[in-house]
Amino acid sequence: MSVYAFNPLIDPRWSEFVHGHPRASIFHTTGWLEALRRTYGYVPMGYTTSAPGELLTNGIVLCRISSWLTGPRMVSLPFSDHCEPLFEHRENYEEIICSLQRTLQAEKLRYIELRPRSAVRPAEAWIETAETFCFHALDLRPALKELFLQLQKDCIQRKIRRAEREGLFYETGRSNVLLKNFYDLLLLTRRRHKLPPQPMKWFRNLIACLGDRIEIHLASKGGQPVASLLTLHHGHTLVYKYGCSDENFHNLGGMPFLFWKVIERAKKQGFQEFDLGRSDADNTGLITFKDRLAARRSNLTYLRYSDVHKRRVVTGHGADIARRVFGLMPNGLLSVAGKLLYRHVG
């Protein structure tokens, strides 16, 4: 069985394949891939057992990351919570995995990482577990009233009602004003977590490349932005990708209010699932919040093959030092740090 490489940004078969595949997500789309290319210079590459000129029946898409800081590697896909290998027959999947192993050795990559949403993994012994996250998805098919009653009463339902009494204003769109308000809140949130924000260029490129498949949601009080979400959508699935808030207004219930407004809107638009994304296993606060939205919890396990001679011992010491440094940076310098560093992360 032969394996063929193709450029999903050029080959028109990929868009058609993704549009019709039931397990494809927003992260498979050419819009997401083009935003990655424009912002970080990542080169996407697809692998399939379908010969050139034939209809695509399967495929894995990855991005090449060339970095002097973190080393050369391939990831499916950078900054994507998950990216399911799209196959109907396991033998096709196994064949491409073997081909990727040869690519890793020939190009002297540090590793190749897959981020499947499903728990299915290839049989090859050289595939190892990289990281495991907590993943949440909310079934939107029940009636809106039932969805509200499923929400945790004290921490979610009560805060939504508090926000409504406070007169929080909800708006959504992709305007420059909404983007600026979102980014200002993102900077506050990332500073609170002692991390640099993603570059503004990333969000501008997402809007340019995804069009009406991306929305910014904003809650404000008397013209003052208090919380914001950024969502994406593909097929019947709405995806929560970024959230941020001003902690000075947390008592108003802005985040529960926003999530509920997004759920209401999603129901009207006919979405069947609200993908709430991944959470670090030790982020108990975020995991608990998603649990209280009555979302279904599961594990999201990333798979990796790395050359044994290029493996590094990773500790939290360097990350702790970096967080302390980021926490001391002024806003302008923190934004510059994000612009410089994120392309090395992927």
Protein backbone atom coordinates (compact mmCIF):
# COMPACT_ATOMS: atom_id res chain seq x y z
CA MET A 1 0.00 0.00 0.00
CA SER A 2 1.41 3.40 -0.99
CA VAL A 3 1.23 6.61 1.07
CA TYR A 4 0.99 9.97 -0.69
CA ALA A 5 1.79 13.44 0.66
CA PHE A 6 -0.20 16.48 -0.43
CA ASN A 7 -0.62 20.15 0.50
CA PRO A 8 -4.14 20.58 1.95
CA LEU A 9 -4.06 24.32 1.23
CA ILE A 10 -3.61 23.68 -2.49
CA ASP A 11 -5.25 20.32 -3.12
CA PRO A 12 -9.02 20.98 -3.54
CA ARG A 13 -9.82 17.40 -2.50
CA TRP A 14 -9.05 18.17 1.15
CA SER A 15 -11.76 20.83 1.64
CA GLU A 16 -14.36 18.61 0.02
CA PHE A 17 -13.26 15.63 2.11
CA VAL A 18 -13.36 17.59 5.39
CA HIS A 19 -16.75 19.09 4.55
CA GLY A 20 -18.30 15.64 4.17
CA HIS A 21 -16.52 13.66 6.88
CA PRO A 22 -18.58 13.10 10.07
CA ARG A 23 -15.54 13.22 12.38
CA ALA A 24 -13.90 16.28 10.85
CA SER A 25 -13.64 19.42 13.00
CA ILE A 26 -12.90 23.10 12.56
CA PHE A 27 -9.25 22.23 13.16
CA HIS A 28 -9.13 20.18 9.94
CA THR A 29 -10.37 23.04 7.75
CA THR A 30 -8.21 25.00 5.34
CA GLY A 31 -9.23 28.19 7.16
CA TRP A 32 -7.60 27.00 10.39
CA LEU A 33 -4.54 25.71 8.50
CA GLU A 34 -4.14 28.99 6.63
CA ALA A 35 -4.37 31.01 9.87
CA LEU A 36 -1.58 28.82 11.32
CA ARG A 37 0.52 29.41 8.21
CA ARG A 38 -0.01 33.18 8.12
CA THR A 39 0.64 33.69 11.82
CA TYR A 40 3.38 31.22 12.68
CA GLY A 41 4.76 30.08 9.32
CA TYR A 42 3.75 26.46 9.93
CA VAL A 43 3.69 24.40 6.73
CA PRO A 44 0.73 21.97 6.59
CA MET A 45 1.09 18.54 5.01
CA GLY A 46 -1.51 15.83 4.44
CA TYR A 47 -0.92 12.08 4.17
CA THR A 48 -3.31 9.63 2.52
CA THR A 49 -3.43 6.24 0.83
CA SER A 50 -5.54 7.79 -1.97
CA ALA A 51 -3.45 8.33 -5.09
CA PRO A 52 -3.17 11.80 -6.68
CA GLY A 53 -6.22 12.49 -8.82
CA GLU A 54 -8.35 9.99 -6.92
CA LEU A 55 -11.11 10.92 -4.51
CA LEU A 56 -9.75 11.25 -0.96
CA THR A 57 -11.03 8.48 1.30
CA ASN A 58 -8.73 9.02 4.30
CA GLY A 59 -6.08 11.39 5.63
CA ILE A 60 -4.01 12.82 8.43
CA VAL A 61 -2.99 16.48 8.39
CA LEU A 62 0.07 17.77 10.26
CA CYS A 63 2.11 20.96 10.42
CA ARG A 64 5.87 21.16 10.25
CA ILE A 65 7.35 23.32 13.00
CA SER A 66 10.91 24.50 12.48
CA SER A 67 12.26 26.04 15.68
CA TRP A 68 15.77 26.61 16.96
CA LEU A 69 14.30 26.80 20.49
CA THR A 70 12.14 23.67 20.68
CA GLY A 71 13.47 21.68 17.74
CA PRO A 72 12.00 20.49 14.42
CA ARG A 73 8.84 18.40 14.70
CA MET A 74 5.44 17.64 13.18
CA VAL A 75 2.20 18.13 15.09
CA SER A 76 -1.41 17.30 14.23
CA LEU A 77 -2.24 20.10 14.83
CA PRO A 78 -0.56 23.06 16.58
CA PHE A 79 -2.84 25.07 18.92
CA SER A 80 -5.65 22.59 18.20
CA ASP A 81 -7.32 20.85 21.12
CA HIS A 82 -7.75 17.75 18.98
CA CYS A 83 -7.39 16.65 15.35
CA GLU A 84 -8.83 13.23 14.63
CA PRO A 85 -7.08 11.07 11.99
CA LEU A 86 -9.82 10.61 9.39
CA PHE A 87 -9.99 6.92 8.48
CA GLU A 88 -12.61 4.24 7.97
CA HIS A 89 -10.17 1.31 7.69
CA ARG A 90 -7.55 0.72 10.34
CA GLU A 91 -5.02 -0.76 7.89
CA ASN A 92 -4.86 2.60 6.07
CA TYR A 93 -4.22 4.36 9.38
CA GLU A 94 -1.45 1.91 10.33
CA GLU A 95 0.22 2.31 6.95
CA ILE A 96 0.40 6.09 7.28
CA ILE A 97 1.72 5.83 10.84
CA CYS A 98 4.57 3.62 9.54
CA SER A 99 5.25 6.19 6.82
CA LEU A 100 5.42 8.97 9.42
CA GLN A 101 7.96 6.94 11.38
CA ARG A 102 10.19 6.85 8.32
CA THR A 103 9.69 10.60 7.84
CA LEU A 104 10.77 11.27 11.42
CA GLN A 105 14.00 9.32 10.97
CA ALA A 106 14.79 10.68 7.51
CA GLU A 107 14.24 14.32 8.47
CA LYS A 108 15.76 13.98 11.96
CA LEU A 109 12.70 15.37 13.72
CA ARG A 110 12.49 15.50 17.52
CA TYR A 111 9.06 13.92 17.43
CA ILE A 112 5.75 13.54 15.62
CA GLU A 113 2.64 14.20 17.73
CA LEU A 114 -0.96 13.18 17.04
CA ARG A 115 -3.90 14.69 18.93
CA PRO A 116 -6.88 12.38 18.31
CA ARG A 117 -10.19 12.98 20.02
CA SER A 118 -10.98 9.24 20.10
CA ALA A 119 -9.21 6.71 22.31
CA VAL A 120 -8.13 4.55 19.36
CA ARG A 121 -4.38 4.33 18.97
CA PRO A 122 -2.17 2.58 16.41
CA ALA A 123 -0.66 -0.80 17.31
CA GLU A 124 2.94 0.26 16.76
CA ALA A 125 4.95 -0.04 19.96
CA TRP A 126 6.94 3.11 19.22
CA ILE A 127 3.89 5.31 19.80
CA GLU A 128 3.92 6.62 23.38
CA THR A 129 1.53 8.76 25.41
CA ALA A 130 2.65 12.40 25.39
CA GLU A 131 0.03 14.15 27.54
CA THR A 132 -3.47 13.46 28.81
CA PHE A 133 -6.04 16.21 29.25
CA CYS A 134 -9.58 16.42 30.53
CA PHE A 135 -12.06 17.01 27.70
CA HIS A 136 -15.65 18.25 27.98
CA ALA A 137 -18.51 18.28 25.47
CA LEU A 138 -22.08 19.39 26.07
CA ASP A 139 -24.97 17.67 24.27
CA LEU A 140 -27.17 20.45 22.88
CA ARG A 141 -30.00 18.22 21.66
CA PRO A 142 -32.19 18.43 24.81
CA ALA A 143 -34.69 21.29 25.09
CA LEU A 144 -33.33 24.64 26.24
CA LYS A 145 -35.28 24.46 29.50
CA GLU A 146 -33.78 21.05 30.25
CA LEU A 147 -30.27 22.34 29.52
CA PHE A 148 -30.78 25.17 32.00
CA LEU A 149 -32.09 22.84 34.71
CA GLN A 150 -28.99 20.65 34.26
CA LEU A 151 -26.73 23.57 35.19
CA GLN A 152 -25.37 23.57 38.74
CA LYS A 153 -27.83 25.65 40.77
CA ASP A 154 -25.63 27.72 43.09
CA CYS A 155 -22.56 28.39 40.93
CA ILE A 156 -24.15 28.62 37.48
CA GLN A 157 -27.94 29.14 37.55
CA ARG A 158 -27.81 31.67 40.39
CA LYS A 159 -24.96 33.62 38.76
CA ILE A 160 -26.81 33.77 35.45
CA ARG A 161 -29.81 35.28 37.22
CA ARG A 162 -27.50 37.69 39.08
CA ALA A 163 -25.99 38.82 35.76
CA GLU A 164 -29.46 39.39 34.32
CA ARG A 165 -30.48 41.46 37.35
CA GLU A 166 -27.28 43.49 36.99
CA GLY A 167 -28.25 44.25 33.42
CA LEU A 168 -25.21 42.74 31.71
CA PHE A 169 -25.32 43.45 27.99
CA TYR A 170 -24.54 40.66 25.51
CA GLU A 171 -23.25 41.21 22.00
CA THR A 172 -21.54 39.06 19.40
CA GLY A 173 -19.74 39.51 16.09
CA ARG A 174 -16.31 39.96 14.55
CA SER A 175 -15.84 43.73 14.51
CA ASN A 176 -12.57 45.46 15.33
CA VAL A 177 -14.17 46.92 18.46
CA LEU A 178 -15.23 43.49 19.72
CA LEU A 179 -11.79 42.08 18.91
CA LYS A 180 -10.07 44.87 20.84
CA ASN A 181 -12.33 44.37 23.87
CA PHE A 182 -11.71 40.62 23.73
CA TYR A 183 -7.95 41.09 23.48
CA ASP A 184 -7.80 43.58 26.34
CA LEU A 185 -9.59 41.06 28.55
CA LEU A 186 -7.33 38.28 27.27
CA LEU A 187 -4.27 40.30 28.30
CA LEU A 188 -5.72 40.74 31.81
CA THR A 189 -6.45 37.02 32.07
CA ARG A 190 -3.08 35.85 30.80
CA ARG A 191 -1.35 38.25 33.17
CA ARG A 192 -3.42 36.80 36.01
CA HIS A 193 -2.15 33.36 35.01
CA LYS A 194 1.40 34.72 34.53
CA LEU A 195 1.48 33.78 30.85
CA PRO A 196 1.92 35.88 27.69
CA PRO A 197 -1.14 36.34 25.44
CA GLN A 198 -1.38 34.90 21.96
CA PRO A 199 -0.40 37.56 19.40
CA MET A 200 -3.17 39.83 18.10
CA LYS A 201 -2.11 38.76 14.60
CA TRP A 202 -3.37 35.24 15.36
CA PHE A 203 -6.90 36.44 16.07
CA ARG A 204 -6.96 38.78 13.09
CA ASN A 205 -5.90 35.87 10.86
CA LEU A 206 -8.52 33.58 12.37
CA ILE A 207 -11.22 36.12 11.53
CA ALA A 208 -9.83 36.66 8.02
CA CYS A 209 -9.49 32.94 7.28
CA LEU A 210 -12.57 31.52 9.03
CA GLY A 211 -15.08 34.29 8.29
CA ASP A 212 -18.53 33.56 9.69
CA ARG A 213 -17.27 30.38 11.38
CA ILE A 214 -15.75 32.44 14.20
CA GLU A 215 -17.55 34.69 16.69
CA ILE A 216 -16.55 36.88 19.60
CA HIS A 217 -19.04 37.06 22.47
CA LEU A 218 -18.85 39.95 24.93
CA ALA A 219 -20.60 40.74 28.22
CA SER A 220 -20.40 44.30 29.47
CA LYS A 221 -21.79 46.41 32.29
CA GLY A 222 -22.53 50.05 31.52
CA GLY A 223 -20.16 49.93 28.56
CA GLN A 224 -17.38 48.27 30.60
CA PRO A 225 -16.32 44.85 29.16
CA VAL A 226 -16.34 42.23 31.90
CA ALA A 227 -16.03 38.87 30.10
CA SER A 228 -15.55 37.51 26.59
CA LEU A 229 -15.53 34.19 24.73
CA LEU A 230 -14.29 33.23 21.27
CA THR A 231 -16.08 30.35 19.56
CA LEU A 232 -15.60 28.48 16.29
CA HIS A 233 -17.97 26.15 14.50
CA HIS A 234 -17.98 23.38 11.93
CA GLY A 235 -20.87 21.18 10.92
CA HIS A 236 -23.14 20.56 13.90
CA THR A 237 -20.46 21.42 16.49
CA LEU A 238 -19.78 24.71 18.24
CA VAL A 239 -16.30 24.99 19.76
CA TYR A 240 -15.27 27.10 22.76
CA LYS A 241 -11.67 28.08 22.07
CA TYR A 242 -10.77 31.11 24.26
CA GLY A 243 -12.27 32.77 27.30
CA CYS A 244 -11.19 35.79 29.35
CA SER A 245 -12.53 38.14 31.99
CA ASP A 246 -11.82 41.03 34.34
CA GLU A 247 -11.59 39.61 37.86
CA ASN A 248 -12.79 42.94 39.30
CA PHE A 249 -16.25 42.08 37.95
CA HIS A 250 -16.39 38.35 38.68
CA ASN A 251 -19.11 38.95 41.25
CA LEU A 252 -21.47 39.95 38.42
CA GLY A 253 -21.47 36.40 36.99
CA GLY A 254 -20.18 37.41 33.56
CA MET A 255 -18.71 34.04 32.52
CA PRO A 256 -21.72 31.85 33.45
CA PHE A 257 -23.94 34.46 31.78
CA LEU A 258 -21.88 34.39 28.58
CA PHE A 259 -21.80 30.60 28.37
CA TRP A 260 -25.57 30.51 28.78
CA LYS A 261 -26.11 33.15 26.09
CA VAL A 262 -23.84 31.15 23.76
CA ILE A 263 -25.83 27.98 24.52
CA GLU A 264 -29.10 29.80 23.79
CA ARG A 265 -27.71 31.08 20.52
CA ALA A 266 -26.32 27.66 19.59
CA LYS A 267 -29.72 26.05 20.10
CA LYS A 268 -31.36 28.59 17.78
CA GLN A 269 -28.71 27.91 15.13
CA GLY A 270 -29.25 24.16 15.30
CA PHE A 271 -25.93 23.01 16.75
CA GLN A 272 -25.96 19.60 18.39
CA GLU A 273 -22.75 19.69 20.41
CA PHE A 274 -20.83 22.33 22.33
CA ASP A 275 -17.16 21.32 22.38
CA LEU A 276 -15.75 22.93 25.54
CA GLY A 277 -12.20 21.89 24.75
CA ARG A 278 -9.38 20.51 26.82
CA SER A 279 -8.32 21.35 30.36
CA ASP A 280 -4.99 20.54 32.01
CA ALA A 281 -5.47 17.61 34.36
CA ASP A 282 -4.36 19.72 37.34
CA ASN A 283 -6.61 22.69 36.50
CA THR A 284 -9.35 21.70 38.93
CA GLY A 285 -11.04 25.10 38.78
CA LEU A 286 -11.65 24.96 35.01
CA ILE A 287 -12.63 21.29 35.12
CA THR A 288 -15.13 21.95 37.90
CA PHE A 289 -16.63 24.90 35.99
CA LYS A 290 -17.19 22.73 32.89
CA ASP A 291 -18.62 19.95 35.04
CA ARG A 292 -21.12 22.46 36.43
CA LEU A 293 -22.28 23.21 32.90
CA ALA A 294 -23.38 19.54 32.79
CA ALA A 295 -20.84 18.74 30.08
CA ARG A 296 -19.72 15.15 29.57
CA ARG A 297 -16.15 14.56 30.77
CA SER A 298 -13.63 12.25 29.07
CA ASN A 299 -9.89 11.90 28.55
CA LEU A 300 -8.01 13.42 25.63
CA THR A 301 -4.70 11.62 25.10
CA TYR A 302 -1.99 12.90 22.76
CA LEU A 303 0.29 10.35 21.10
CA ARG A 304 3.93 10.88 20.25
CA TYR A 305 6.83 9.16 18.61
CA SER A 306 10.22 10.65 19.45
CA ASP A 307 13.75 9.63 18.64
CA VAL A 308 15.14 8.12 21.83
CA HIS A 309 18.37 10.09 21.39
CA LYS A 310 16.49 13.41 21.24
CA ARG A 311 14.21 13.01 24.24
CA ARG A 312 14.55 15.65 26.91
CA VAL A 313 13.86 15.43 30.60
CA VAL A 314 11.12 17.98 31.27
CA THR A 315 10.59 19.50 34.70
CA GLY A 316 8.38 22.27 35.98
CA HIS A 317 11.32 24.33 37.26
CA GLY A 318 11.87 26.29 34.04
CA ALA A 319 8.15 26.93 33.63
CA ASP A 320 7.93 28.25 37.19
CA ILE A 321 10.77 30.69 36.56
CA ALA A 322 9.18 31.83 33.29
CA ARG A 323 5.84 32.47 35.03
CA ARG A 324 7.53 34.65 37.63
CA VAL A 325 9.24 36.67 34.89
CA PHE A 326 6.04 37.03 32.86
CA GLY A 327 4.21 38.15 35.98
CA LEU A 328 6.57 41.12 36.32
CA MET A 329 6.42 42.30 32.70
CA PRO A 330 4.44 45.42 31.69
CA ASN A 331 1.57 44.79 29.27
CA GLY A 332 3.45 45.92 26.17
CA LEU A 333 6.43 43.67 26.87
CA LEU A 334 4.15 40.76 27.78
CA SER A 335 2.45 41.05 24.37
CA VAL A 336 5.84 41.13 22.63
CA ALA A 337 6.86 37.99 24.54
CA GLY A 338 3.77 36.20 23.25
CA LYS A 339 4.48 37.31 19.70
CA LEU A 340 8.04 35.97 19.89
CA LEU A 341 7.44 32.73 21.81
CA TYR A 342 4.21 31.16 20.55
CA ARG A 343 5.60 30.12 17.18
CA HIS A 344 8.08 27.91 19.08
CA VAL A 345 5.33 26.26 21.15
CA GLY A 346 2.79 24.82 18.75
